Each structure stands twice: as C-alpha cells, then as structure tokens.
Amino acid sequence: MSSGRRIVFWRHGRTEWNAQRRFQGQSDIPLDNVGLGQASEAAKLLADLQPSRIISSDLVRASRTAQALSELTNVEVATFEGLRETHAGTWEGLTRDVLVANYGDELAAWAAGSNLRPGGGETRTEVAQRVIDVIDEELTMVDEQETLVVVTHGGSARAAIAMMLELPPEHWAVLGVLSNCAWSVLTERDSPYGPPWRLQEYNAKSLPVAALGDDR
C-alpha cells in the first residue's frame, strides 16, 4: 500500500431514473429501494478503510449514499455543490433512446470524449475542475495514510479521476462507465516523476489489496 493519502470516489446507488436509463445530470432524484440496499452493502465494505473524512455531492442520491457510510464510521458528511453531476441542460430527464434518436451525433461525440456541452450544459473539463477544486481543499484536512471518501456521480467521478491522472481530455473515454455504488481508488505517489496520483482500483466492489509489481 502507498504511504500517502488515499481518495475513494464512490458513485451513488441506483435511482428510478438510472433504471429507466434517463440522463439525470443535476436533477435531484432520490435512491430507489435497490439503491438504498446497494448503499448499505457497499458501506459495510468501505467502513473497513476507516475514512477520516467523507464528502458528498449535495444531491440527495449521493448524500443519502454517503449517510450509509457515516452511520457505520461516525464520520460526519460534508456536502458540496461542486461535487454534483454534470449539468446537462435540455438532455436531463431524457431516456437514452430519445437522446440517440434526437441528438445521436452529439451524444456519440460527447461519449467519445469530445468537450462539447451536453444539452447546453457543462463541458467535461469544467466538471472535472470544480470537483478537483473541492477535493484539493478537503485534502488539506487529510493526513498521510488517511482516506478521503468522495461520494459523487458517474460522470463527475470519471472526469475528476482522468484529470488527476493527467490524461489528455481526448483520452478520457478510456475510463469506462461506473456502476451504481461502485468505487475507484487513487493513492498518492511519492515520486517526483509523473502524476501525483496512481489509479489503484476502478469500478470496484471489493477492497484494495497490497500488491508487489514485477519491477519492485
């Protein structure tokens, strides 16, 4: 394990709109019963990481997911508007079938990594930067070897992870879609070469384990 700090990006549990394949964006949709169960089960695992700080998007599907971990760890949740999902303007609430039928070319370009504004909303780089601005501030309160849990959304988590790994924006699409209540883990590197963070786990539902590479 890294001796540095650790960031866990945790996507919220399922909502009715997720099940209907609707673009949620910043629409404030609550967890459904499946999502509540997902949050409860995932929290039992993540509690073993002994987070020192839990922060969350202020949208209810994320803050309710974060609450499940807070109840097990006695760590209070701080909520931030900056951790919200991508604002997707006129696309919000539309099903994928409707989006494909009416905005097929734009949707394909956006999914492939284009920095366009979905539905007239935010670009991916704008989303990534506002999420990272919150994380950078919160990391000032996280000591070495401690864990910050960031409860957020699929699109905002992917964008922030890609930017923190210093991937070129045109390559952000190499990171796959995140499942409901799955998490991704970044660990801090102590090398002056390359990005300051390493991707240890992605779209996981199990805890990280120590590993020794062939080059060590």
C-alpha atoms as a PDB file:
ATOM      1  CA  MET A   1       0.000   0.000   0.000  1.00  0.00           C
ATOM      2  CA  SER A   2       1.060   3.587  -0.607  1.00  0.00           C
ATOM      3  CA  SER A   3       2.259   5.544   2.419  1.00  0.00           C
ATOM      4  CA  GLY A   4       0.458   8.605   1.052  1.00  0.00           C
ATOM      5  CA  ARG A   5      -3.152   9.620   1.233  1.00  0.00           C
ATOM      6  CA  ARG A   6      -5.960   7.745  -0.472  1.00  0.00           C
ATOM      7  CA  ILE A   7      -9.049   9.055  -2.279  1.00  0.00           C
ATOM      8  CA  VAL A   8     -12.081   6.822  -2.779  1.00  0.00           C
ATOM      9  CA  PHE A   9     -14.515   8.021  -5.448  1.00  0.00           C
ATOM     10  CA  TRP A  10     -17.830   6.335  -4.654  1.00  0.00           C
ATOM     11  CA  ARG A  11     -20.756   6.551  -7.059  1.00  0.00           C
ATOM     12  CA  HIS A  12     -24.244   6.780  -5.559  1.00  0.00           C
ATOM     13  CA  GLY A  13     -26.723   3.913  -5.515  1.00  0.00           C
ATOM     14  CA  ARG A  14     -29.408   3.293  -8.105  1.00  0.00           C
ATOM     15  CA  THR A  15     -32.306   5.652  -8.721  1.00  0.00           C
ATOM     16  CA  GLU A  16     -35.520   5.152 -10.652  1.00  0.00           C
ATOM     17  CA  TRP A  17     -34.054   7.263 -13.446  1.00  0.00           C
ATOM     18  CA  ASN A  18     -30.992   5.008 -13.575  1.00  0.00           C
ATOM     19  CA  ALA A  19     -33.273   2.017 -14.013  1.00  0.00           C
ATOM     20  CA  GLN A  20     -35.149   3.867 -16.779  1.00  0.00           C
ATOM     21  CA  ARG A  21     -31.854   4.914 -18.438  1.00  0.00           C
ATOM     22  CA  ARG A  22     -32.667   8.608 -18.132  1.00  0.00           C
ATOM     23  CA  PHE A  23     -29.927  11.242 -18.166  1.00  0.00           C
ATOM     24  CA  GLN A  24     -30.044  12.577 -14.601  1.00  0.00           C
ATOM     25  CA  GLY A  25     -27.469  15.337 -14.634  1.00  0.00           C
ATOM     26  CA  GLN A  26     -28.193  17.701 -11.745  1.00  0.00           C
ATOM     27  CA  SER A  27     -31.866  16.712 -11.436  1.00  0.00           C
ATOM     28  CA  ASP A  28     -32.311  15.755  -7.780  1.00  0.00           C
ATOM     29  CA  ILE A  29     -33.586  12.179  -7.998  1.00  0.00           C
ATOM     30  CA  PRO A  30     -33.631  10.026  -4.815  1.00  0.00           C
ATOM     31  CA  LEU A  31     -32.350   6.475  -4.432  1.00  0.00           C
ATOM     32  CA  ASP A  32     -34.856   3.729  -5.118  1.00  0.00           C
ATOM     33  CA  ASN A  33     -35.139   0.680  -2.868  1.00  0.00           C
ATOM     34  CA  VAL A  34     -32.403  -1.122  -4.805  1.00  0.00           C
ATOM     35  CA  GLY A  35     -30.133   1.896  -4.429  1.00  0.00           C
ATOM     36  CA  LEU A  36     -30.717   2.064  -0.701  1.00  0.00           C
ATOM     37  CA  GLY A  37     -29.722  -1.584  -0.413  1.00  0.00           C
ATOM     38  CA  GLN A  38     -26.650  -1.040  -2.568  1.00  0.00           C
ATOM     39  CA  ALA A  39     -25.513   1.853  -0.374  1.00  0.00           C
ATOM     40  CA  SER A  40     -25.960  -0.191   2.789  1.00  0.00           C
ATOM     41  CA  GLU A  41     -23.996  -3.180   1.477  1.00  0.00           C
ATOM     42  CA  ALA A  42     -21.192  -1.108  -0.029  1.00  0.00           C
ATOM     43  CA  ALA A  43     -20.829   0.915   3.158  1.00  0.00           C
ATOM     44  CA  LYS A  44     -20.098  -2.261   5.134  1.00  0.00           C
ATOM     45  CA  LEU A  45     -17.012  -2.824   2.975  1.00  0.00           C
ATOM     46  CA  LEU A  46     -15.860   0.782   2.731  1.00  0.00           C
ATOM     47  CA  ALA A  47     -16.054   1.172   6.507  1.00  0.00           C
ATOM     48  CA  ASP A  48     -13.032  -1.142   6.706  1.00  0.00           C
ATOM     49  CA  LEU A  49     -10.959   1.593   5.039  1.00  0.00           C
ATOM     50  CA  GLN A  50     -11.569   3.741   8.122  1.00  0.00           C
ATOM     51  CA  PRO A  51     -12.155   7.010   6.268  1.00  0.00           C
ATOM     52  CA  SER A  52     -11.034  10.111   8.112  1.00  0.00           C
ATOM     53  CA  ARG A  53     -13.271  12.370   6.055  1.00  0.00           C
ATOM     54  CA  ILE A  54     -16.412  11.844   3.957  1.00  0.00           C
ATOM     55  CA  ILE A  55     -17.566  14.456   1.472  1.00  0.00           C
ATOM     56  CA  SER A  56     -20.518  14.261  -0.868  1.00  0.00           C
ATOM     57  CA  SER A  57     -22.410  15.950  -3.634  1.00  0.00           C
ATOM     58  CA  ASP A  58     -25.376  17.794  -2.156  1.00  0.00           C
ATOM     59  CA  LEU A  59     -27.785  15.962  -4.478  1.00  0.00           C
ATOM     60  CA  VAL A  60     -29.913  13.574  -2.445  1.00  0.00           C
ATOM     61  CA  ARG A  61     -28.906  10.368  -4.254  1.00  0.00           C
ATOM     62  CA  ALA A  62     -25.279  10.991  -3.301  1.00  0.00           C
ATOM     63  CA  SER A  63     -25.809  12.418   0.191  1.00  0.00           C
ATOM     64  CA  ARG A  64     -28.099   9.509   1.119  1.00  0.00           C
ATOM     65  CA  THR A  65     -25.450   7.061  -0.117  1.00  0.00           C
ATOM     66  CA  ALA A  66     -22.838   8.869   1.986  1.00  0.00           C
ATOM     67  CA  GLN A  67     -25.101   8.691   5.020  1.00  0.00           C
ATOM     68  CA  ALA A  68     -24.922   4.885   4.968  1.00  0.00           C
ATOM     69  CA  LEU A  69     -21.141   5.058   5.459  1.00  0.00           C
ATOM     70  CA  SER A  70     -21.370   7.848   8.004  1.00  0.00           C
ATOM     71  CA  GLU A  71     -23.666   5.764  10.188  1.00  0.00           C
ATOM     72  CA  LEU A  72     -21.104   2.943  10.332  1.00  0.00           C
ATOM     73  CA  THR A  73     -17.992   5.089  10.835  1.00  0.00           C
ATOM     74  CA  ASN A  74     -19.306   8.001  12.919  1.00  0.00           C
ATOM     75  CA  VAL A  75     -17.646  10.360  10.421  1.00  0.00           C
ATOM     76  CA  GLU A  76     -19.892  13.277   9.525  1.00  0.00           C
ATOM     77  CA  VAL A  77     -20.641  14.023   5.881  1.00  0.00           C
ATOM     78  CA  ALA A  78     -19.835  17.438   4.425  1.00  0.00           C
ATOM     79  CA  THR A  79     -21.820  18.227   1.262  1.00  0.00           C
ATOM     80  CA  PHE A  80     -20.703  20.390  -1.649  1.00  0.00           C
ATOM     81  CA  GLU A  81     -22.435  21.696  -4.745  1.00  0.00           C
ATOM     82  CA  GLY A  82     -19.094  21.376  -6.533  1.00  0.00           C
ATOM     83  CA  LEU A  83     -19.327  17.568  -6.395  1.00  0.00           C
ATOM     84  CA  ARG A  84     -22.561  17.432  -8.379  1.00  0.00           C
ATOM     85  CA  GLU A  85     -23.031  15.513 -11.613  1.00  0.00           C
ATOM     86  CA  THR A  86     -22.605  17.213 -14.986  1.00  0.00           C
ATOM     87  CA  HIS A  87     -25.212  19.861 -15.711  1.00  0.00           C
ATOM     88  CA  ALA A  88     -26.778  18.564 -18.925  1.00  0.00           C
ATOM     89  CA  GLY A  89     -29.353  21.241 -19.711  1.00  0.00           C
ATOM     90  CA  THR A  90     -32.095  20.074 -22.053  1.00  0.00           C
ATOM     91  CA  TRP A  91     -30.825  16.481 -22.011  1.00  0.00           C
ATOM     92  CA  GLU A  92     -31.778  15.930 -18.383  1.00  0.00           C
ATOM     93  CA  GLY A  93     -34.721  13.586 -17.948  1.00  0.00           C
ATOM     94  CA  LEU A  94     -34.476  12.183 -21.474  1.00  0.00           C
ATOM     95  CA  THR A  95     -34.077   8.436 -21.958  1.00  0.00           C
ATOM     96  CA  ARG A  96     -31.118   7.087 -23.896  1.00  0.00           C
ATOM     97  CA  ASP A  97     -33.401   6.057 -26.761  1.00  0.00           C
ATOM     98  CA  VAL A  98     -34.702   9.604 -27.093  1.00  0.00           C
ATOM     99  CA  LEU A  99     -31.184  11.032 -26.906  1.00  0.00           C
ATOM    100  CA  VAL A 100     -29.957   8.676 -29.632  1.00  0.00           C
ATOM    101  CA  ALA A 101     -32.938   9.488 -31.840  1.00  0.00           C
ATOM    102  CA  ASN A 102     -32.698  13.258 -31.462  1.00  0.00           C
ATOM    103  CA  TYR A 103     -29.066  14.006 -30.609  1.00  0.00           C
ATOM    104  CA  GLY A 104     -27.272  10.926 -31.921  1.00  0.00           C
ATOM    105  CA  ASP A 105     -24.197  12.622 -33.368  1.00  0.00           C
ATOM    106  CA  GLU A 106     -23.722  14.937 -30.377  1.00  0.00           C
ATOM    107  CA  LEU A 107     -24.220  12.070 -27.929  1.00  0.00           C
ATOM    108  CA  ALA A 108     -21.682   9.890 -29.745  1.00  0.00           C
ATOM    109  CA  ALA A 109     -19.126  12.706 -29.830  1.00  0.00           C
ATOM    110  CA  TRP A 110     -19.663  13.503 -26.158  1.00  0.00           C
ATOM    111  CA  ALA A 111     -19.376   9.817 -25.171  1.00  0.00           C
ATOM    112  CA  ALA A 112     -16.150   9.548 -27.177  1.00  0.00           C
ATOM    113  CA  GLY A 113     -14.567  12.337 -25.164  1.00  0.00           C
ATOM    114  CA  SER A 114     -15.493  15.493 -27.027  1.00  0.00           C
ATOM    115  CA  ASN A 115     -15.533  18.540 -24.754  1.00  0.00           C
ATOM    116  CA  LEU A 116     -18.928  19.707 -26.014  1.00  0.00           C
ATOM    117  CA  ARG A 117     -21.752  20.909 -23.765  1.00  0.00           C
ATOM    118  CA  PRO A 118     -24.442  18.208 -23.390  1.00  0.00           C
ATOM    119  CA  GLY A 119     -27.820  19.870 -23.704  1.00  0.00           C
ATOM    120  CA  GLY A 120     -26.077  23.237 -23.477  1.00  0.00           C
ATOM    121  CA  GLY A 121     -24.674  22.388 -20.031  1.00  0.00           C
ATOM    122  CA  GLU A 122     -21.108  21.877 -18.772  1.00  0.00           C
ATOM    123  CA  THR A 123     -18.034  20.565 -20.531  1.00  0.00           C
ATOM    124  CA  ARG A 124     -16.205  17.594 -19.037  1.00  0.00           C
ATOM    125  CA  THR A 125     -13.182  19.735 -18.153  1.00  0.00           C
ATOM    126  CA  GLU A 126     -15.393  22.232 -16.318  1.00  0.00           C
ATOM    127  CA  VAL A 127     -16.916  19.386 -14.307  1.00  0.00           C
ATOM    128  CA  ALA A 128     -13.526  17.876 -13.511  1.00  0.00           C
ATOM    129  CA  GLN A 129     -12.082  21.179 -12.359  1.00  0.00           C
ATOM    130  CA  ARG A 130     -14.905  22.043  -9.963  1.00  0.00           C
ATOM    131  CA  VAL A 131     -14.755  18.570  -8.410  1.00  0.00           C
ATOM    132  CA  ILE A 132     -10.979  18.767  -8.015  1.00  0.00           C
ATOM    133  CA  ASP A 133     -11.236  22.254  -6.502  1.00  0.00           C
ATOM    134  CA  VAL A 134     -13.361  20.773  -3.690  1.00  0.00           C
ATOM    135  CA  ILE A 135     -11.056  17.773  -3.257  1.00  0.00           C
ATOM    136  CA  ASP A 136      -7.901  19.897  -3.117  1.00  0.00           C
ATOM    137  CA  GLU A 137      -9.391  21.987  -0.319  1.00  0.00           C
ATOM    138  CA  GLU A 138     -10.568  18.937   1.617  1.00  0.00           C
ATOM    139  CA  LEU A 139      -7.200  17.177   1.280  1.00  0.00           C
ATOM    140  CA  THR A 140      -5.669  19.889   3.463  1.00  0.00           C
ATOM    141  CA  MET A 141      -7.537  18.199   6.332  1.00  0.00           C
ATOM    142  CA  VAL A 142      -6.415  14.644   5.455  1.00  0.00           C
ATOM    143  CA  ASP A 143      -3.133  13.410   6.891  1.00  0.00           C
ATOM    144  CA  GLU A 144      -0.669  10.932   5.409  1.00  0.00           C
ATOM    145  CA  GLN A 145      -2.060   7.382   5.163  1.00  0.00           C
ATOM    146  CA  GLU A 146      -5.603   8.651   5.766  1.00  0.00           C
ATOM    147  CA  THR A 147      -8.554   8.145   3.434  1.00  0.00           C
ATOM    148  CA  LEU A 148     -10.895  10.718   1.909  1.00  0.00           C
ATOM    149  CA  VAL A 149     -14.164   9.292   0.576  1.00  0.00           C
ATOM    150  CA  VAL A 150     -15.788  11.369  -2.176  1.00  0.00           C
ATOM    151  CA  VAL A 151     -19.405  10.372  -2.772  1.00  0.00           C
ATOM    152  CA  THR A 152     -20.385  11.665  -6.163  1.00  0.00           C
ATOM    153  CA  HIS A 153     -21.698  10.682  -9.590  1.00  0.00           C
ATOM    154  CA  GLY A 154     -20.541   8.601 -12.522  1.00  0.00           C
ATOM    155  CA  GLY A 155     -19.698  11.397 -14.928  1.00  0.00           C
ATOM    156  CA  SER A 156     -18.152  13.762 -12.412  1.00  0.00           C
ATOM    157  CA  ALA A 157     -16.056  10.977 -10.857  1.00  0.00           C
ATOM    158  CA  ARG A 158     -14.712   9.817 -14.238  1.00  0.00           C
ATOM    159  CA  ALA A 159     -13.819  13.350 -15.272  1.00  0.00           C
ATOM    160  CA  ALA A 160     -12.055  14.145 -11.994  1.00  0.00           C
ATOM    161  CA  ILE A 161     -10.125  10.867 -11.996  1.00  0.00           C
ATOM    162  CA  ALA A 162      -8.974  11.430 -15.577  1.00  0.00           C
ATOM    163  CA  MET A 163      -7.775  14.955 -14.819  1.00  0.00           C
ATOM    164  CA  MET A 164      -5.998  13.884 -11.625  1.00  0.00           C
ATOM    165  CA  LEU A 165      -4.188  11.169 -13.595  1.00  0.00           C
ATOM    166  CA  GLU A 166      -3.193  13.862 -16.124  1.00  0.00           C
ATOM    167  CA  LEU A 167      -4.774  12.042 -19.058  1.00  0.00           C
ATOM    168  CA  PRO A 168      -5.288  14.214 -22.154  1.00  0.00           C
ATOM    169  CA  PRO A 169      -9.004  15.153 -22.355  1.00  0.00           C
ATOM    170  CA  GLU A 170      -9.338  13.406 -25.720  1.00  0.00           C
ATOM    171  CA  HIS A 171      -8.373  10.144 -23.960  1.00  0.00           C
ATOM    172  CA  TRP A 172     -10.770  10.398 -21.014  1.00  0.00           C
ATOM    173  CA  ALA A 173     -13.166   7.988 -22.711  1.00  0.00           C
ATOM    174  CA  VAL A 174     -10.720   5.128 -21.979  1.00  0.00           C
ATOM    175  CA  LEU A 175     -12.185   5.126 -18.454  1.00  0.00           C
ATOM    176  CA  GLY A 176     -15.329   3.030 -18.506  1.00  0.00           C
ATOM    177  CA  VAL A 177     -18.769   3.809 -17.122  1.00  0.00           C
ATOM    178  CA  LEU A 178     -19.027   3.445 -13.351  1.00  0.00           C
ATOM    179  CA  SER A 179     -21.642   1.112 -11.872  1.00  0.00           C
ATOM    180  CA  ASN A 180     -24.058   2.245  -9.199  1.00  0.00           C
ATOM    181  CA  CYS A 181     -22.373   2.114  -5.777  1.00  0.00           C
ATOM    182  CA  ALA A 182     -19.028   1.008  -7.223  1.00  0.00           C
ATOM    183  CA  TRP A 183     -15.884   2.905  -6.280  1.00  0.00           C
ATOM    184  CA  SER A 184     -12.479   3.837  -7.644  1.00  0.00           C
ATOM    185  CA  VAL A 185      -9.356   4.397  -5.565  1.00  0.00           C
ATOM    186  CA  LEU A 186      -6.472   6.812  -6.132  1.00  0.00           C
ATOM    187  CA  THR A 187      -3.347   6.561  -3.988  1.00  0.00           C
ATOM    188  CA  GLU A 188      -0.824   9.335  -3.572  1.00  0.00           C
ATOM    189  CA  ARG A 189       2.593   8.780  -5.148  1.00  0.00           C
ATOM    190  CA  ASP A 190       5.869   9.836  -3.525  1.00  0.00           C
ATOM    191  CA  SER A 191       7.775  10.156  -6.820  1.00  0.00           C
ATOM    192  CA  PRO A 192       8.651  13.495  -8.466  1.00  0.00           C
ATOM    193  CA  TYR A 193       8.085  11.842 -11.858  1.00  0.00           C
ATOM    194  CA  GLY A 194       4.665  11.533 -13.430  1.00  0.00           C
ATOM    195  CA  PRO A 195       1.237  12.352 -11.987  1.00  0.00           C
ATOM    196  CA  PRO A 196       0.959  12.711  -8.189  1.00  0.00           C
ATOM    197  CA  TRP A 197      -1.806  10.088  -8.062  1.00  0.00           C
ATOM    198  CA  ARG A 198      -1.990   6.421  -9.110  1.00  0.00           C
ATOM    199  CA  LEU A 199      -5.165   4.554 -10.044  1.00  0.00           C
ATOM    200  CA  GLN A 200      -5.302   1.538  -7.729  1.00  0.00           C
ATOM    201  CA  GLU A 201      -8.873   0.352  -8.221  1.00  0.00           C
ATOM    202  CA  TYR A 202     -11.524   1.265 -10.815  1.00  0.00           C
ATOM    203  CA  ASN A 203     -15.247   0.468 -10.809  1.00  0.00           C
ATOM    204  CA  ALA A 204     -14.640  -1.933  -7.936  1.00  0.00           C
ATOM    205  CA  LYS A 205     -16.900  -3.518  -5.361  1.00  0.00           C
ATOM    206  CA  SER A 206     -14.076  -5.090  -3.390  1.00  0.00           C
ATOM    207  CA  LEU A 207     -11.368  -3.525  -1.242  1.00  0.00           C
ATOM    208  CA  PRO A 208      -7.835  -2.806  -2.483  1.00  0.00           C
ATOM    209  CA  VAL A 209      -5.185  -5.373  -1.542  1.00  0.00           C
ATOM    210  CA  ALA A 210      -1.448  -4.919  -1.285  1.00  0.00           C
ATOM    211  CA  ALA A 211       0.458  -5.918  -4.427  1.00  0.00           C
ATOM    212  CA  LEU A 212       4.112  -6.146  -5.365  1.00  0.00           C
ATOM    213  CA  GLY A 213       4.869  -5.406  -9.015  1.00  0.00           C
ATOM    214  CA  ASP A 214       7.418  -7.281 -11.131  1.00  0.00           C
ATOM    215  CA  ASP A 215       9.514  -4.108 -11.275  1.00  0.00           C
ATOM    216  CA  ARG A 216       9.842  -3.781  -7.482  1.00  0.00           C
END
